Amino acid sequence: MKALDDSDKYGMILRSKGIVAGEDGTWIHFDFVPEEAEVRTGASDVTGKIVVIGSKVNKEAVKELFGI
């Protein structure tokens, strides 16, 4: 989550949240706003989700960060 604070690489990220698969098969829920992040585990929808809101978002760099 700290990586999203790098506006030179990812753009100005104002908010990001999602549910992604962890390496151990658990589902990781995250909420991010600049300089603050919350990460927890829980159940998932049918597939993982990621939402990124911001200005001049570098979509390719964000995809690479999340392994998409």
N, C-alpha and C. Protein backbone atom coordinates (compact mmCIF):
# COMPACT_ATOMS: atom_id res chain seq x y z
N MET A 1 0.81 -1.18 0.00
CA MET A 1 0.00 0.00 0.00
C MET A 1 0.86 1.26 0.00
N LYS A 2 2.01 1.20 0.67
CA LYS A 2 2.88 2.37 0.71
C LYS A 2 3.34 2.77 -0.68
N ALA A 3 3.46 1.80 -1.57
CA ALA A 3 3.91 2.10 -2.93
C ALA A 3 2.97 3.06 -3.63
N LEU A 4 1.67 3.00 -3.34
CA LEU A 4 0.71 3.88 -4.00
C LEU A 4 0.91 5.35 -3.67
N ASP A 5 1.70 5.67 -2.64
CA ASP A 5 2.02 7.06 -2.31
C ASP A 5 3.03 7.66 -3.30
N ASP A 6 3.65 6.82 -4.15
CA ASP A 6 4.65 7.29 -5.12
C ASP A 6 3.93 7.88 -6.33
N SER A 7 3.63 9.19 -6.28
CA SER A 7 2.88 9.82 -7.36
C SER A 7 3.67 9.90 -8.65
N ASP A 8 5.00 9.89 -8.57
CA ASP A 8 5.80 9.91 -9.80
C ASP A 8 5.62 8.63 -10.60
N LYS A 9 5.44 7.51 -9.92
CA LYS A 9 5.30 6.23 -10.59
C LYS A 9 3.85 5.87 -10.91
N TYR A 10 2.91 6.12 -9.97
CA TYR A 10 1.54 5.65 -10.12
C TYR A 10 0.52 6.74 -10.42
N GLY A 11 0.90 8.00 -10.34
CA GLY A 11 -0.04 9.10 -10.49
C GLY A 11 -0.53 9.52 -9.11
N MET A 12 -1.41 10.50 -9.07
CA MET A 12 -1.94 11.00 -7.79
C MET A 12 -3.11 10.12 -7.38
N ILE A 13 -2.85 9.13 -6.54
CA ILE A 13 -3.89 8.20 -6.09
C ILE A 13 -4.61 8.82 -4.90
N LEU A 14 -5.92 9.06 -5.05
CA LEU A 14 -6.72 9.65 -3.99
C LEU A 14 -7.39 8.59 -3.12
N ARG A 15 -7.70 7.45 -3.75
CA ARG A 15 -8.34 6.37 -3.00
C ARG A 15 -8.17 5.08 -3.79
N SER A 16 -7.99 4.00 -3.07
CA SER A 16 -7.95 2.68 -3.69
C SER A 16 -8.52 1.70 -2.68
N LYS A 17 -9.27 0.74 -3.18
CA LYS A 17 -9.80 -0.30 -2.31
C LYS A 17 -9.99 -1.55 -3.12
N GLY A 18 -10.02 -2.67 -2.45
CA GLY A 18 -10.21 -3.89 -3.19
C GLY A 18 -10.12 -5.14 -2.35
N ILE A 19 -10.31 -6.24 -3.06
CA ILE A 19 -10.20 -7.58 -2.50
C ILE A 19 -9.34 -8.37 -3.47
N VAL A 20 -8.20 -8.85 -2.98
CA VAL A 20 -7.28 -9.60 -3.84
C VAL A 20 -6.90 -10.91 -3.17
N ALA A 21 -6.53 -11.88 -3.99
CA ALA A 21 -6.12 -13.18 -3.46
C ALA A 21 -4.71 -13.09 -2.89
N GLY A 22 -4.53 -13.60 -1.68
CA GLY A 22 -3.21 -13.68 -1.08
C GLY A 22 -2.47 -14.90 -1.59
N GLU A 23 -1.18 -14.93 -1.40
CA GLU A 23 -0.37 -16.06 -1.87
C GLU A 23 -0.76 -17.36 -1.20
N ASP A 24 -1.33 -17.28 0.01
CA ASP A 24 -1.70 -18.49 0.76
C ASP A 24 -3.16 -18.89 0.55
N GLY A 25 -3.85 -18.23 -0.40
CA GLY A 25 -5.24 -18.58 -0.68
C GLY A 25 -6.27 -17.77 0.09
N THR A 26 -5.83 -16.97 1.06
CA THR A 26 -6.79 -16.10 1.76
C THR A 26 -7.13 -14.90 0.88
N TRP A 27 -8.20 -14.22 1.22
CA TRP A 27 -8.59 -13.00 0.50
C TRP A 27 -8.21 -11.80 1.36
N ILE A 28 -7.52 -10.86 0.75
CA ILE A 28 -7.04 -9.67 1.44
C ILE A 28 -7.89 -8.48 1.02
N HIS A 29 -8.49 -7.82 1.99
CA HIS A 29 -9.30 -6.62 1.76
C HIS A 29 -8.42 -5.42 2.11
N PHE A 30 -8.42 -4.40 1.25
CA PHE A 30 -7.62 -3.22 1.57
C PHE A 30 -8.37 -1.94 1.24
N ASP A 31 -8.07 -0.91 2.00
CA ASP A 31 -8.56 0.45 1.78
C ASP A 31 -7.36 1.37 1.90
N PHE A 32 -7.19 2.26 0.92
CA PHE A 32 -6.04 3.15 0.90
C PHE A 32 -6.49 4.57 0.60
N VAL A 33 -6.00 5.51 1.36
CA VAL A 33 -6.00 6.94 1.04
C VAL A 33 -4.57 7.39 1.31
N PRO A 34 -4.13 8.49 0.71
CA PRO A 34 -2.73 8.90 0.89
C PRO A 34 -2.30 8.89 2.36
N GLU A 35 -1.19 8.23 2.60
CA GLU A 35 -0.55 8.13 3.91
C GLU A 35 -1.35 7.35 4.95
N GLU A 36 -2.36 6.61 4.51
CA GLU A 36 -3.14 5.78 5.45
C GLU A 36 -3.67 4.56 4.71
N ALA A 37 -3.48 3.38 5.31
CA ALA A 37 -3.96 2.15 4.68
C ALA A 37 -4.51 1.21 5.75
N GLU A 38 -5.52 0.45 5.37
CA GLU A 38 -6.08 -0.58 6.25
C GLU A 38 -6.09 -1.88 5.45
N VAL A 39 -5.56 -2.95 6.04
CA VAL A 39 -5.50 -4.25 5.39
C VAL A 39 -6.06 -5.28 6.35
N ARG A 40 -6.94 -6.17 5.85
CA ARG A 40 -7.53 -7.22 6.67
C ARG A 40 -7.85 -8.41 5.77
N THR A 41 -8.17 -9.54 6.34
CA THR A 41 -8.58 -10.71 5.57
C THR A 41 -10.06 -10.95 5.77
N GLY A 42 -10.67 -11.68 4.84
CA GLY A 42 -12.08 -12.00 4.94
C GLY A 42 -12.54 -12.77 3.73
N ALA A 43 -13.85 -12.94 3.62
CA ALA A 43 -14.43 -13.66 2.49
C ALA A 43 -14.37 -12.78 1.24
N SER A 44 -14.50 -13.39 0.08
CA SER A 44 -14.44 -12.65 -1.16
C SER A 44 -15.71 -12.83 -1.97
N ASP A 45 -15.88 -11.94 -2.94
CA ASP A 45 -16.90 -12.14 -3.96
C ASP A 45 -16.40 -13.29 -4.84
N VAL A 46 -17.08 -13.53 -5.93
CA VAL A 46 -16.68 -14.60 -6.84
C VAL A 46 -15.25 -14.39 -7.34
N THR A 47 -14.88 -13.13 -7.64
CA THR A 47 -13.53 -12.81 -8.08
C THR A 47 -13.01 -11.64 -7.28
N GLY A 48 -11.73 -11.40 -7.33
CA GLY A 48 -11.14 -10.25 -6.65
C GLY A 48 -11.53 -8.96 -7.35
N LYS A 49 -11.41 -7.84 -6.64
CA LYS A 49 -11.74 -6.53 -7.19
C LYS A 49 -10.69 -5.52 -6.75
N ILE A 50 -10.42 -4.55 -7.62
CA ILE A 50 -9.54 -3.44 -7.29
C ILE A 50 -10.14 -2.18 -7.91
N VAL A 51 -10.23 -1.12 -7.13
CA VAL A 51 -10.69 0.18 -7.63
C VAL A 51 -9.61 1.20 -7.27
N VAL A 52 -9.21 2.01 -8.24
CA VAL A 52 -8.22 3.05 -8.02
C VAL A 52 -8.79 4.36 -8.56
N ILE A 53 -8.84 5.38 -7.70
CA ILE A 53 -9.38 6.68 -8.08
C ILE A 53 -8.26 7.70 -7.91
N GLY A 54 -8.06 8.52 -8.94
CA GLY A 54 -7.02 9.52 -8.84
C GLY A 54 -6.90 10.36 -10.10
N SER A 55 -5.79 11.04 -10.20
CA SER A 55 -5.51 11.91 -11.33
C SER A 55 -4.23 11.43 -12.01
N LYS A 56 -4.28 11.37 -13.33
CA LYS A 56 -3.12 10.93 -14.12
C LYS A 56 -2.60 9.58 -13.64
N VAL A 57 -3.53 8.64 -13.38
CA VAL A 57 -3.17 7.31 -12.89
C VAL A 57 -2.43 6.55 -13.99
N ASN A 58 -1.28 6.00 -13.65
CA ASN A 58 -0.51 5.17 -14.57
C ASN A 58 -1.07 3.75 -14.46
N LYS A 59 -2.03 3.44 -15.31
CA LYS A 59 -2.74 2.16 -15.22
C LYS A 59 -1.81 0.97 -15.35
N GLU A 60 -0.84 1.06 -16.24
CA GLU A 60 0.07 -0.07 -16.42
C GLU A 60 0.92 -0.33 -15.18
N ALA A 61 1.39 0.74 -14.53
CA ALA A 61 2.19 0.58 -13.32
C ALA A 61 1.34 0.00 -12.18
N VAL A 62 0.07 0.44 -12.09
CA VAL A 62 -0.83 -0.09 -11.05
C VAL A 62 -1.11 -1.57 -11.31
N LYS A 63 -1.35 -1.93 -12.56
CA LYS A 63 -1.57 -3.35 -12.89
C LYS A 63 -0.35 -4.19 -12.50
N GLU A 64 0.83 -3.68 -12.80
CA GLU A 64 2.06 -4.41 -12.46
C GLU A 64 2.20 -4.55 -10.94
N LEU A 65 1.89 -3.49 -10.20
CA LEU A 65 1.96 -3.52 -8.74
C LEU A 65 1.08 -4.62 -8.16
N PHE A 66 -0.13 -4.78 -8.70
CA PHE A 66 -1.07 -5.76 -8.20
C PHE A 66 -0.96 -7.11 -8.91
N GLY A 67 -0.05 -7.24 -9.85
CA GLY A 67 0.17 -8.52 -10.54
C GLY A 67 -0.97 -8.89 -11.46
N ILE A 68 -1.53 -7.90 -12.13
CA ILE A 68 -2.66 -8.15 -13.04
C ILE A 68 -2.15 -8.22 -14.46
